[in-house]
Amino acid sequence: MNGLYAALPGRPDFDTDKHKLGKLCPNAHDWMGTGQTLRSVNGSHCIECDRLRSESRRKVNKEAIRQKDKERYESNKNDPAWREARRQRQRVNVAKYRATHGRESRSKNGLPYRFCEDHGLPLVHASQIAEMHAAGLEPEAIRKSLALRESLLKSAGSAPSVARLVMEEQRRHWHENPEAKAAHDRWWKSHNWWLRYQINPELRLYTRQKSKRRKAQMRNSVAIQVSGQEISARFAKFDHRCAYCGAGGDLHIEHVVPISRGGGHAIGNIVPACESCNYSKRDHQPETWYRRQPFFSELRWRKICRALGWQRSSVGQLALL
């Protein structure tokens, strides 16, 4: 056997007092390509087969122990005394583990536990400290490096923002090119009203009511100029929702009594309405049309009458003020 082993240079050694090479086992466990199976000297058992049986047995035992622990937990989990004893055992085991292996790091930067606190390092620079610690620097060297960085930042001062740099460059360009500044002023004068129209909601409401007032004037009806603040206040009284169905979104200026039926353009005849209700109502009588709708609400109709200053005896008549 020693001669066989000597003919296999580079092969891992085995204990010749406990193992020997023999014929292949039924599972054909070939040892290191020799065509033979490594067996025990006493029992002539295949070492690989014994190892596989042991692993299988340990796996079965682990599954049985795990199932037994699970059944024990299910049967005792409602017992307060058992739960308290279990927590106490866990505390003892954790304390033993920490006493032997130390405490694991809780830092998201990978630093050891309480590294910054124990060495007097600022926590705000934990990421930079972690990089220097990973590079092998000692705490004193890390402290000196942080102090040097802080002094350099203080001496450098703060850099101007991008917006400030752009503004200064624009002013310099206008100072050197007065014709460009004049062209910009002309452009701003022509677009200033449009920009204010986009930003100011009261201005948009006032612009919309101008077209309504012009429509009333063309039909020889009462047309009173209404400010954007008045229309905005009327919309706010209905929580900026449609007075008929309660929907939100882009609201129209709705004349409760249609202009085609003698209604005037005045704050006493205006309520907010959604596009659907405004187009559906058209020139119908307000109460007749509203009571036919599936979303009719007596409470909303009374609120419309109160907002317009209508009495029960004057419903359907035009309120001008």
C-alpha atoms as a PDB file:
ATOM      1  CA  MET A   1       0.000   0.000   0.000  1.00  0.00           C
ATOM      2  CA  ASN A   2       2.891   2.325   0.652  1.00  0.00           C
ATOM      3  CA  GLY A   3       4.120   1.610  -2.808  1.00  0.00           C
ATOM      4  CA  LEU A   4       0.710   2.473  -4.254  1.00  0.00           C
ATOM      5  CA  TYR A   5       0.684   5.748  -2.324  1.00  0.00           C
ATOM      6  CA  ALA A   6       4.224   6.556  -3.450  1.00  0.00           C
ATOM      7  CA  ALA A   7       3.061   6.172  -7.070  1.00  0.00           C
ATOM      8  CA  LEU A   8       0.542   8.970  -6.566  1.00  0.00           C
ATOM      9  CA  PRO A   9       2.594  12.150  -6.036  1.00  0.00           C
ATOM     10  CA  GLY A  10       0.648  15.280  -5.066  1.00  0.00           C
ATOM     11  CA  ARG A  11      -2.295  13.312  -3.592  1.00  0.00           C
ATOM     12  CA  PRO A  12      -3.472  14.183  -0.074  1.00  0.00           C
ATOM     13  CA  ASP A  13      -2.193  11.762   2.501  1.00  0.00           C
ATOM     14  CA  PHE A  14      -4.386   9.520   4.660  1.00  0.00           C
ATOM     15  CA  ASP A  15      -3.758   7.727   7.904  1.00  0.00           C
ATOM     16  CA  THR A  16      -2.432   4.280   6.955  1.00  0.00           C
ATOM     17  CA  ASP A  17      -3.237   2.978  10.446  1.00  0.00           C
ATOM     18  CA  LYS A  18      -6.959   3.708  10.022  1.00  0.00           C
ATOM     19  CA  HIS A  19      -7.597   3.605   6.269  1.00  0.00           C
ATOM     20  CA  LYS A  20      -6.789   1.426   3.344  1.00  0.00           C
ATOM     21  CA  LEU A  21      -7.607   1.183  -0.344  1.00  0.00           C
ATOM     22  CA  GLY A  22      -9.895  -1.642  -1.473  1.00  0.00           C
ATOM     23  CA  LYS A  23     -12.286  -2.588  -4.216  1.00  0.00           C
ATOM     24  CA  LEU A  24     -14.993  -0.190  -5.323  1.00  0.00           C
ATOM     25  CA  CYS A  25     -18.042   0.024  -3.086  1.00  0.00           C
ATOM     26  CA  PRO A  26     -21.579  -0.496  -4.506  1.00  0.00           C
ATOM     27  CA  ASN A  27     -21.865   3.284  -4.839  1.00  0.00           C
ATOM     28  CA  ALA A  28     -18.646   3.433  -6.893  1.00  0.00           C
ATOM     29  CA  HIS A  29     -16.838   5.946  -4.688  1.00  0.00           C
ATOM     30  CA  ASP A  30     -13.512   6.230  -6.485  1.00  0.00           C
ATOM     31  CA  TRP A  31     -10.774   7.736  -4.278  1.00  0.00           C
ATOM     32  CA  MET A  32      -8.756  10.339  -6.183  1.00  0.00           C
ATOM     33  CA  GLY A  33      -9.095   8.513  -9.512  1.00  0.00           C
ATOM     34  CA  THR A  34      -7.252   5.396  -8.354  1.00  0.00           C
ATOM     35  CA  GLY A  35     -10.083   3.026  -9.290  1.00  0.00           C
ATOM     36  CA  GLN A  36     -10.358   1.921  -5.625  1.00  0.00           C
ATOM     37  CA  THR A  37     -12.414   2.978  -2.617  1.00  0.00           C
ATOM     38  CA  LEU A  38     -10.937   4.340   0.594  1.00  0.00           C
ATOM     39  CA  ARG A  39     -12.060   2.031   3.393  1.00  0.00           C
ATOM     40  CA  SER A  40     -11.500   1.693   7.135  1.00  0.00           C
ATOM     41  CA  VAL A  41      -8.940  -0.876   8.297  1.00  0.00           C
ATOM     42  CA  ASN A  42     -11.135  -2.439  10.985  1.00  0.00           C
ATOM     43  CA  GLY A  43     -14.618  -2.540   9.477  1.00  0.00           C
ATOM     44  CA  SER A  44     -13.679  -2.222   5.785  1.00  0.00           C
ATOM     45  CA  HIS A  45     -16.491   0.322   5.434  1.00  0.00           C
ATOM     46  CA  CYS A  46     -16.420   2.883   2.661  1.00  0.00           C
ATOM     47  CA  ILE A  47     -15.394   6.200   4.245  1.00  0.00           C
ATOM     48  CA  GLU A  48     -17.481   8.219   1.761  1.00  0.00           C
ATOM     49  CA  CYS A  49     -20.593   6.101   2.341  1.00  0.00           C
ATOM     50  CA  ASP A  50     -20.182   6.530   6.119  1.00  0.00           C
ATOM     51  CA  ARG A  51     -19.849  10.270   5.707  1.00  0.00           C
ATOM     52  CA  LEU A  52     -22.995  10.519   3.554  1.00  0.00           C
ATOM     53  CA  ARG A  53     -24.974   8.380   6.026  1.00  0.00           C
ATOM     54  CA  SER A  54     -23.846  10.578   8.907  1.00  0.00           C
ATOM     55  CA  GLU A  55     -24.862  13.764   7.082  1.00  0.00           C
ATOM     56  CA  SER A  56     -28.248  12.270   6.222  1.00  0.00           C
ATOM     57  CA  ARG A  57     -28.723  11.157   9.828  1.00  0.00           C
ATOM     58  CA  ARG A  58     -27.789  14.609  11.142  1.00  0.00           C
ATOM     59  CA  LYS A  59     -30.186  16.239   8.671  1.00  0.00           C
ATOM     60  CA  VAL A  60     -33.026  13.958   9.793  1.00  0.00           C
ATOM     61  CA  ASN A  61     -32.207  14.670  13.423  1.00  0.00           C
ATOM     62  CA  LYS A  62     -32.169  18.421  12.781  1.00  0.00           C
ATOM     63  CA  GLU A  63     -35.569  18.249  11.084  1.00  0.00           C
ATOM     64  CA  ALA A  64     -36.963  16.195  13.962  1.00  0.00           C
ATOM     65  CA  ILE A  65     -35.566  18.616  16.547  1.00  0.00           C
ATOM     66  CA  ARG A  66     -36.904  21.592  14.590  1.00  0.00           C
ATOM     67  CA  GLN A  67     -40.359  20.031  14.342  1.00  0.00           C
ATOM     68  CA  LYS A  68     -40.300  19.181  18.042  1.00  0.00           C
ATOM     69  CA  ASP A  69     -39.316  22.747  18.955  1.00  0.00           C
ATOM     70  CA  LYS A  70     -42.098  24.064  16.745  1.00  0.00           C
ATOM     71  CA  GLU A  71     -44.691  21.854  18.436  1.00  0.00           C
ATOM     72  CA  ARG A  72     -43.401  22.882  21.864  1.00  0.00           C
ATOM     73  CA  TYR A  73     -43.618  26.575  20.899  1.00  0.00           C
ATOM     74  CA  GLU A  74     -47.169  26.209  19.555  1.00  0.00           C
ATOM     75  CA  SER A  75     -48.309  24.475  22.734  1.00  0.00           C
ATOM     76  CA  ASN A  76     -46.634  26.928  25.142  1.00  0.00           C
ATOM     77  CA  LYS A  77     -46.759  30.278  23.319  1.00  0.00           C
ATOM     78  CA  ASN A  78     -49.877  31.367  25.252  1.00  0.00           C
ATOM     79  CA  ASP A  79     -48.230  30.675  28.622  1.00  0.00           C
ATOM     80  CA  PRO A  80     -46.789  33.970  30.026  1.00  0.00           C
ATOM     81  CA  ALA A  81     -44.392  32.164  32.385  1.00  0.00           C
ATOM     82  CA  TRP A  82     -42.970  30.059  29.532  1.00  0.00           C
ATOM     83  CA  ARG A  83     -42.538  33.138  27.311  1.00  0.00           C
ATOM     84  CA  GLU A  84     -40.736  35.040  30.082  1.00  0.00           C
ATOM     85  CA  ALA A  85     -38.417  32.084  30.733  1.00  0.00           C
ATOM     86  CA  ARG A  86     -37.701  31.843  26.997  1.00  0.00           C
ATOM     87  CA  ARG A  87     -36.838  35.549  26.795  1.00  0.00           C
ATOM     88  CA  GLN A  88     -34.573  35.185  29.826  1.00  0.00           C
ATOM     89  CA  ARG A  89     -32.727  32.283  28.182  1.00  0.00           C
ATOM     90  CA  GLN A  90     -32.292  34.365  25.033  1.00  0.00           C
ATOM     91  CA  ARG A  91     -30.834  37.265  27.060  1.00  0.00           C
ATOM     92  CA  VAL A  92     -28.383  34.923  28.775  1.00  0.00           C
ATOM     93  CA  ASN A  93     -27.294  33.383  25.452  1.00  0.00           C
ATOM     94  CA  VAL A  94     -26.836  36.809  23.836  1.00  0.00           C
ATOM     95  CA  ALA A  95     -24.777  37.992  26.816  1.00  0.00           C
ATOM     96  CA  LYS A  96     -22.552  34.903  26.576  1.00  0.00           C
ATOM     97  CA  TYR A  97     -22.065  35.402  22.837  1.00  0.00           C
ATOM     98  CA  ARG A  98     -21.180  39.079  23.242  1.00  0.00           C
ATOM     99  CA  ALA A  99     -18.791  38.270  26.093  1.00  0.00           C
ATOM    100  CA  THR A 100     -16.984  35.798  23.825  1.00  0.00           C
ATOM    101  CA  HIS A 101     -17.172  37.445  20.374  1.00  0.00           C
ATOM    102  CA  GLY A 102     -17.826  41.103  21.194  1.00  0.00           C
ATOM    103  CA  ARG A 103     -20.707  43.200  19.971  1.00  0.00           C
ATOM    104  CA  GLU A 104     -21.573  43.531  16.311  1.00  0.00           C
ATOM    105  CA  SER A 105     -21.409  46.887  14.551  1.00  0.00           C
ATOM    106  CA  ARG A 106     -24.595  48.924  14.410  1.00  0.00           C
ATOM    107  CA  SER A 107     -23.187  51.608  12.102  1.00  0.00           C
ATOM    108  CA  LYS A 108     -24.561  51.799   8.583  1.00  0.00           C
ATOM    109  CA  ASN A 109     -21.077  52.945   7.498  1.00  0.00           C
ATOM    110  CA  GLY A 110     -19.418  49.737   8.694  1.00  0.00           C
ATOM    111  CA  LEU A 111     -17.593  51.246  11.688  1.00  0.00           C
ATOM    112  CA  PRO A 112     -17.166  49.195  14.866  1.00  0.00           C
ATOM    113  CA  TYR A 113     -19.722  49.729  17.583  1.00  0.00           C
ATOM    114  CA  ARG A 114     -19.288  53.143  19.314  1.00  0.00           C
ATOM    115  CA  PHE A 115     -16.096  53.809  17.357  1.00  0.00           C
ATOM    116  CA  CYS A 116     -16.752  57.547  17.006  1.00  0.00           C
ATOM    117  CA  GLU A 117     -17.949  57.993  20.613  1.00  0.00           C
ATOM    118  CA  ASP A 118     -15.012  56.118  22.148  1.00  0.00           C
ATOM    119  CA  HIS A 119     -12.405  58.098  20.186  1.00  0.00           C
ATOM    120  CA  GLY A 120     -14.108  61.514  20.279  1.00  0.00           C
ATOM    121  CA  LEU A 121     -14.817  61.696  16.537  1.00  0.00           C
ATOM    122  CA  PRO A 122     -17.789  63.685  15.166  1.00  0.00           C
ATOM    123  CA  LEU A 123     -20.728  61.550  14.056  1.00  0.00           C
ATOM    124  CA  VAL A 124     -21.626  63.959  11.224  1.00  0.00           C
ATOM    125  CA  HIS A 125     -18.492  62.805   9.370  1.00  0.00           C
ATOM    126  CA  ALA A 126     -19.147  59.091   9.936  1.00  0.00           C
ATOM    127  CA  SER A 127     -18.950  58.218   6.232  1.00  0.00           C
ATOM    128  CA  GLN A 128     -15.556  59.921   5.814  1.00  0.00           C
ATOM    129  CA  ILE A 129     -14.310  58.356   9.063  1.00  0.00           C
ATOM    130  CA  ALA A 130     -15.368  54.918   7.778  1.00  0.00           C
ATOM    131  CA  GLU A 131     -13.384  55.420   4.561  1.00  0.00           C
ATOM    132  CA  MET A 132     -10.247  56.463   6.462  1.00  0.00           C
ATOM    133  CA  HIS A 133     -10.696  53.632   8.974  1.00  0.00           C
ATOM    134  CA  ALA A 134     -10.998  51.127   6.110  1.00  0.00           C
ATOM    135  CA  ALA A 135      -7.746  52.561   4.662  1.00  0.00           C
ATOM    136  CA  GLY A 136      -5.972  51.667   7.915  1.00  0.00           C
ATOM    137  CA  LEU A 137      -5.663  55.105   9.575  1.00  0.00           C
ATOM    138  CA  GLU A 138      -5.531  55.301  13.332  1.00  0.00           C
ATOM    139  CA  PRO A 139      -8.116  57.420  15.252  1.00  0.00           C
ATOM    140  CA  GLU A 140      -5.552  60.156  15.955  1.00  0.00           C
ATOM    141  CA  ALA A 141      -4.637  60.398  12.262  1.00  0.00           C
ATOM    142  CA  ILE A 142      -8.358  60.493  11.362  1.00  0.00           C
ATOM    143  CA  ARG A 143      -8.892  63.374  13.830  1.00  0.00           C
ATOM    144  CA  LYS A 144      -6.018  65.387  12.337  1.00  0.00           C
ATOM    145  CA  SER A 145      -7.282  64.784   8.785  1.00  0.00           C
ATOM    146  CA  LEU A 146     -10.780  65.998   9.697  1.00  0.00           C
ATOM    147  CA  ALA A 147      -9.364  69.120  11.377  1.00  0.00           C
ATOM    148  CA  LEU A 148      -7.279  69.875   8.268  1.00  0.00           C
ATOM    149  CA  ARG A 149     -10.314  69.518   5.993  1.00  0.00           C
ATOM    150  CA  GLU A 150     -12.390  71.802   8.196  1.00  0.00           C
ATOM    151  CA  SER A 151      -9.688  74.507   8.248  1.00  0.00           C
ATOM    152  CA  LEU A 152      -9.348  74.362   4.457  1.00  0.00           C
ATOM    153  CA  LEU A 153     -13.100  74.737   4.003  1.00  0.00           C
ATOM    154  CA  LYS A 154     -13.227  77.739   6.349  1.00  0.00           C
ATOM    155  CA  SER A 155     -10.346  79.445   4.575  1.00  0.00           C
ATOM    156  CA  ALA A 156     -11.849  78.775   1.136  1.00  0.00           C
ATOM    157  CA  GLY A 157     -15.196  80.455   1.946  1.00  0.00           C
ATOM    158  CA  SER A 158     -18.527  79.736   0.292  1.00  0.00           C
ATOM    159  CA  ALA A 159     -18.898  79.656  -3.488  1.00  0.00           C
ATOM    160  CA  PRO A 160     -21.653  81.728  -5.137  1.00  0.00           C
ATOM    161  CA  SER A 161     -24.725  79.902  -6.320  1.00  0.00           C
ATOM    162  CA  VAL A 162     -25.380  79.142  -9.975  1.00  0.00           C
ATOM    163  CA  ALA A 163     -28.339  81.543 -10.043  1.00  0.00           C
ATOM    164  CA  ARG A 164     -26.166  84.395  -8.733  1.00  0.00           C
ATOM    165  CA  LEU A 165     -23.457  83.692 -11.308  1.00  0.00           C
ATOM    166  CA  VAL A 166     -26.047  83.678 -14.114  1.00  0.00           C
ATOM    167  CA  MET A 167     -27.568  86.957 -12.870  1.00  0.00           C
ATOM    168  CA  GLU A 168     -24.161  88.684 -12.672  1.00  0.00           C
ATOM    169  CA  GLU A 169     -23.245  87.475 -16.157  1.00  0.00           C
ATOM    170  CA  GLN A 170     -26.587  88.725 -17.508  1.00  0.00           C
ATOM    171  CA  ARG A 171     -26.063  92.154 -15.954  1.00  0.00           C
ATOM    172  CA  ARG A 172     -22.560  92.358 -17.371  1.00  0.00           C
ATOM    173  CA  HIS A 173     -23.862  91.463 -20.847  1.00  0.00           C
ATOM    174  CA  TRP A 174     -26.609  94.110 -20.658  1.00  0.00           C
ATOM    175  CA  HIS A 175     -24.101  96.718 -19.444  1.00  0.00           C
ATOM    176  CA  GLU A 176     -21.863  96.050 -22.454  1.00  0.00           C
ATOM    177  CA  ASN A 177     -24.810  95.738 -24.905  1.00  0.00           C
ATOM    178  CA  PRO A 178     -27.505  98.365 -24.172  1.00  0.00           C
ATOM    179  CA  GLU A 179     -29.427  97.392 -27.331  1.00  0.00           C
ATOM    180  CA  ALA A 180     -29.891  93.864 -25.944  1.00  0.00           C
ATOM    181  CA  LYS A 181     -31.282  95.342 -22.709  1.00  0.00           C
ATOM    182  CA  ALA A 182     -33.698  97.509 -24.679  1.00  0.00           C
ATOM    183  CA  ALA A 183     -34.866  94.504 -26.718  1.00  0.00           C
ATOM    184  CA  HIS A 184     -35.430  92.548 -23.503  1.00  0.00           C
ATOM    185  CA  ASP A 185     -37.455  95.402 -21.992  1.00  0.00           C
ATOM    186  CA  ARG A 186     -39.670  95.515 -25.087  1.00  0.00           C
ATOM    187  CA  TRP A 187     -40.214  91.775 -24.926  1.00  0.00           C
ATOM    188  CA  TRP A 188     -41.054  91.903 -21.217  1.00  0.00           C
ATOM    189  CA  LYS A 189     -43.521  94.740 -21.758  1.00  0.00           C
ATOM    190  CA  SER A 190     -45.345  92.756 -24.439  1.00  0.00           C
ATOM    191  CA  HIS A 191     -45.447  89.518 -22.377  1.00  0.00           C
ATOM    192  CA  ASN A 192     -45.866  90.920 -18.889  1.00  0.00           C
ATOM    193  CA  TRP A 193     -49.675  90.909 -19.079  1.00  0.00           C
ATOM    194  CA  TRP A 194     -49.743  87.313 -20.310  1.00  0.00           C
ATOM    195  CA  LEU A 195     -47.461  86.199 -17.473  1.00  0.00           C
ATOM    196  CA  ARG A 196     -49.590  87.977 -14.892  1.00  0.00           C
ATOM    197  CA  TYR A 197     -52.672  86.343 -16.462  1.00  0.00           C
ATOM    198  CA  GLN A 198     -51.123  82.907 -15.987  1.00  0.00           C
ATOM    199  CA  ILE A 199     -50.103  83.583 -12.380  1.00  0.00           C
ATOM    200  CA  ASN A 200     -53.039  85.606 -11.014  1.00  0.00           C
ATOM    201  CA  PRO A 201     -56.343  83.623 -10.861  1.00  0.00           C
ATOM    202  CA  GLU A 202     -58.395  86.780 -10.207  1.00  0.00           C
ATOM    203  CA  LEU A 203     -57.083  88.295 -13.435  1.00  0.00           C
ATOM    204  CA  ARG A 204     -58.161  85.179 -15.329  1.00  0.00           C
ATOM    205  CA  LEU A 205     -61.661  85.401 -13.843  1.00  0.00           C
ATOM    206  CA  TYR A 206     -61.890  89.084 -14.724  1.00  0.00           C
ATOM    207  CA  THR A 207     -60.834  88.337 -18.330  1.00  0.00           C
ATOM    208  CA  ARG A 208     -63.480  85.615 -18.616  1.00  0.00           C
ATOM    209  CA  GLN A 209     -66.237  87.837 -17.257  1.00  0.00           C
ATOM    210  CA  LYS A 210     -65.371  90.517 -19.857  1.00  0.00           C
ATOM    211  CA  SER A 211     -66.483  88.179 -22.631  1.00  0.00           C
ATOM    212  CA  LYS A 212     -69.682  87.379 -20.709  1.00  0.00           C
ATOM    213  CA  ARG A 213     -70.383  91.083 -20.210  1.00  0.00           C
ATOM    214  CA  ARG A 214     -69.823  91.733 -23.908  1.00  0.00           C
ATOM    215  CA  LYS A 215     -72.319  88.971 -24.720  1.00  0.00           C
ATOM    216  CA  ALA A 216     -74.919  90.585 -22.455  1.00  0.00           C
ATOM    217  CA  GLN A 217     -74.327  93.987 -24.074  1.00  0.00           C
ATOM    218  CA  MET A 218     -74.812  92.523 -27.556  1.00  0.00           C
ATOM    219  CA  ARG A 219     -78.218  91.181 -26.475  1.00  0.00           C
ATOM    220  CA  ASN A 220     -79.245  94.502 -24.905  1.00  0.00           C
ATOM    221  CA  SER A 221     -79.333  92.926 -21.458  1.00  0.00           C
ATOM    222  CA  VAL A 222     -78.081  94.321 -18.171  1.00  0.00           C
ATOM    223  CA  ALA A 223     -74.266  94.254 -18.152  1.00  0.00           C
ATOM    224  CA  ILE A 224     -72.462  95.348 -15.004  1.00  0.00           C
ATOM    225  CA  GLN A 225     -68.704  95.240 -14.787  1.00  0.00           C
ATOM    226  CA  VAL A 226     -67.680  92.739 -12.109  1.00  0.00           C
ATOM    227  CA  SER A 227     -64.199  92.662 -10.618  1.00  0.00           C
ATOM    228  CA  GLY A 228     -62.100  89.538 -10.344  1.00  0.00           C
ATOM    229  CA  GLN A 229     -62.185  89.770  -6.529  1.00  0.00           C
ATOM    230  CA  GLU A 230     -65.993  89.635  -6.511  1.00  0.00           C
ATOM    231  CA  ILE A 231     -66.090  86.567  -8.752  1.00  0.00           C
ATOM    232  CA  SER A 232     -63.345  84.894  -6.715  1.00  0.00           C
ATOM    233  CA  ALA A 233     -65.331  85.552  -3.520  1.00  0.00           C
ATOM    234  CA  ARG A 234     -68.469  84.074  -5.116  1.00  0.00           C
ATOM    235  CA  PHE A 235     -66.503  80.958  -6.171  1.00  0.00           C
ATOM    236  CA  ALA A 236     -65.076  80.659  -2.655  1.00  0.00           C
ATOM    237  CA  LYS A 237     -68.601  80.731  -1.201  1.00  0.00           C
ATOM    238  CA  PHE A 238     -69.218  77.467  -3.073  1.00  0.00           C
ATOM    239  CA  ASP A 239     -65.775  76.066  -2.035  1.00  0.00           C
ATOM    240  CA  HIS A 240     -64.572  76.415  -5.642  1.00  0.00           C
ATOM    241  CA  ARG A 241     -66.930  73.651  -6.753  1.00  0.00           C
ATOM    242  CA  CYS A 242     -69.808  73.455  -9.177  1.00  0.00           C
ATOM    243  CA  ALA A 243     -72.931  74.954  -7.613  1.00  0.00           C
ATOM    244  CA  TYR A 244     -75.125  72.289  -9.250  1.00  0.00           C
ATOM    245  CA  CYS A 245     -73.272  68.958  -9.032  1.00  0.00           C
ATOM    246  CA  GLY A 246     -70.419  69.790  -6.651  1.00  0.00           C
ATOM    247  CA  ALA A 247     -67.612  68.842  -9.043  1.00  0.00           C
ATOM    248  CA  GLY A 248     -64.243  70.617  -8.894  1.00  0.00           C
ATOM    249  CA  GLY A 249     -61.734  71.526 -11.581  1.00  0.00           C
ATOM    250  CA  ASP A 250     -61.857  74.369 -14.103  1.00  0.00           C
ATOM    251  CA  LEU A 251     -65.108  76.237 -13.360  1.00  0.00           C
ATOM    252  CA  HIS A 252     -67.112  78.439 -15.726  1.00  0.00           C
ATOM    253  CA  ILE A 253     -68.954  81.667 -14.954  1.00  0.00           C
ATOM    254  CA  GLU A 254     -72.570  80.486 -14.985  1.00  0.00           C
ATOM    255  CA  HIS A 255     -75.573  82.826 -15.336  1.00  0.00           C
ATOM    256  CA  VAL A 256     -78.374  81.185 -13.364  1.00  0.00           C
ATOM    257  CA  VAL A 257     -81.013  83.056 -15.378  1.00  0.00           C
ATOM    258  CA  PRO A 258     -79.726  82.762 -18.980  1.00  0.00           C
ATOM    259  CA  ILE A 259     -78.863  85.976 -20.812  1.00  0.00           C
ATOM    260  CA  SER A 260     -81.062  84.817 -23.699  1.00  0.00           C
ATOM    261  CA  ARG A 261     -84.049  84.792 -21.298  1.00  0.00           C
ATOM    262  CA  GLY A 262     -83.407  88.276 -19.939  1.00  0.00           C
ATOM    263  CA  GLY A 263     -80.840  87.456 -17.295  1.00  0.00           C
ATOM    264  CA  GLY A 264     -78.221  90.097 -16.727  1.00  0.00           C
ATOM    265  CA  HIS A 265     -74.507  89.974 -16.244  1.00  0.00           C
ATOM    266  CA  ALA A 266     -74.239  90.871 -12.543  1.00  0.00           C
ATOM    267  CA  ILE A 267     -72.859  89.291  -9.410  1.00  0.00           C
ATOM    268  CA  GLY A 268     -76.436  88.574  -8.319  1.00  0.00           C
ATOM    269  CA  ASN A 269     -76.844  86.197 -11.277  1.00  0.00           C
ATOM    270  CA  ILE A 270     -73.454  84.413 -11.268  1.00  0.00           C
ATOM    271  CA  VAL A 271     -72.479  81.074  -9.716  1.00  0.00           C
ATOM    272  CA  PRO A 272     -69.606  78.684 -10.507  1.00  0.00           C
ATOM    273  CA  ALA A 273     -70.439  75.698 -12.713  1.00  0.00           C
ATOM    274  CA  CYS A 274     -68.473  72.896 -14.289  1.00  0.00           C
ATOM    275  CA  GLU A 275     -68.233  72.572 -18.063  1.00  0.00           C
ATOM    276  CA  SER A 276     -70.762  69.714 -18.186  1.00  0.00           C
ATOM    277  CA  CYS A 277     -73.449  71.549 -16.206  1.00  0.00           C
ATOM    278  CA  ASN A 278     -72.866  74.851 -18.029  1.00  0.00           C
ATOM    279  CA  TYR A 279     -73.243  73.272 -21.471  1.00  0.00           C
ATOM    280  CA  SER A 280     -76.174  71.076 -20.387  1.00  0.00           C
ATOM    281  CA  LYS A 281     -78.185  73.925 -18.841  1.00  0.00           C
ATOM    282  CA  ARG A 282     -77.884  76.238 -21.890  1.00  0.00           C
ATOM    283  CA  ASP A 283     -80.977  78.511 -21.904  1.00  0.00           C
ATOM    284  CA  HIS A 284     -83.263  76.367 -19.708  1.00  0.00           C
ATOM    285  CA  GLN A 285     -85.018  77.758 -16.669  1.00  0.00           C
ATOM    286  CA  PRO A 286     -82.675  77.081 -13.722  1.00  0.00           C
ATOM    287  CA  GLU A 287     -85.038  75.367 -11.265  1.00  0.00           C
ATOM    288  CA  THR A 288     -86.865  73.330 -13.918  1.00  0.00           C
ATOM    289  CA  TRP A 289     -83.610  72.091 -15.445  1.00  0.00           C
ATOM    290  CA  TYR A 290     -81.942  71.401 -12.114  1.00  0.00           C
ATOM    291  CA  ARG A 291     -84.773  69.311 -10.672  1.00  0.00           C
ATOM    292  CA  ARG A 292     -84.653  67.019 -13.710  1.00  0.00           C
ATOM    293  CA  GLN A 293     -80.963  66.157 -13.153  1.00  0.00           C
ATOM    294  CA  PRO A 294     -79.948  62.927 -11.355  1.00  0.00           C
ATOM    295  CA  PHE A 295     -77.561  64.906  -9.114  1.00  0.00           C
ATOM    296  CA  PHE A 296     -80.257  67.339  -7.920  1.00  0.00           C
ATOM    297  CA  SER A 297     -79.843  68.397  -4.298  1.00  0.00           C
ATOM    298  CA  GLU A 298     -82.354  70.504  -2.390  1.00  0.00           C
ATOM    299  CA  LEU A 299     -79.600  71.736  -0.085  1.00  0.00           C
ATOM    300  CA  ARG A 300     -77.465  72.967  -2.992  1.00  0.00           C
ATOM    301  CA  TRP A 301     -80.480  74.664  -4.606  1.00  0.00           C
ATOM    302  CA  ARG A 302     -81.247  76.511  -1.374  1.00  0.00           C
ATOM    303  CA  LYS A 303     -77.584  77.522  -1.131  1.00  0.00           C
ATOM    304  CA  ILE A 304     -77.765  78.956  -4.678  1.00  0.00           C
ATOM    305  CA  CYS A 305     -80.873  80.940  -3.756  1.00  0.00           C
ATOM    306  CA  ARG A 306     -79.260  82.301  -0.583  1.00  0.00           C
ATOM    307  CA  ALA A 307     -76.060  83.270  -2.440  1.00  0.00           C
ATOM    308  CA  LEU A 308     -78.072  85.155  -5.097  1.00  0.00           C
ATOM    309  CA  GLY A 309     -80.335  86.798  -2.516  1.00  0.00           C
ATOM    310  CA  TRP A 310     -83.491  85.176  -3.885  1.00  0.00           C
ATOM    311  CA  GLN A 311     -86.575  84.795  -1.731  1.00  0.00           C
ATOM    312  CA  ARG A 312     -89.018  81.945  -2.230  1.00  0.00           C
ATOM    313  CA  SER A 313     -91.444  84.385  -3.797  1.00  0.00           C
ATOM    314  CA  SER A 314     -88.826  85.666  -6.208  1.00  0.00           C
ATOM    315  CA  VAL A 315     -87.253  82.397  -7.352  1.00  0.00           C
ATOM    316  CA  GLY A 316     -86.893  82.528 -11.118  1.00  0.00           C
ATOM    317  CA  GLN A 317     -86.656  86.321 -11.130  1.00  0.00           C
ATOM    318  CA  LEU A 318     -83.432  88.166 -11.883  1.00  0.00           C
ATOM    319  CA  ALA A 319     -81.408  89.685  -9.051  1.00  0.00           C
ATOM    320  CA  LEU A 320     -79.179  92.405 -10.368  1.00  0.00           C
ATOM    321  CA  LEU A 321     -77.158  93.224  -7.254  1.00  0.00           C
END
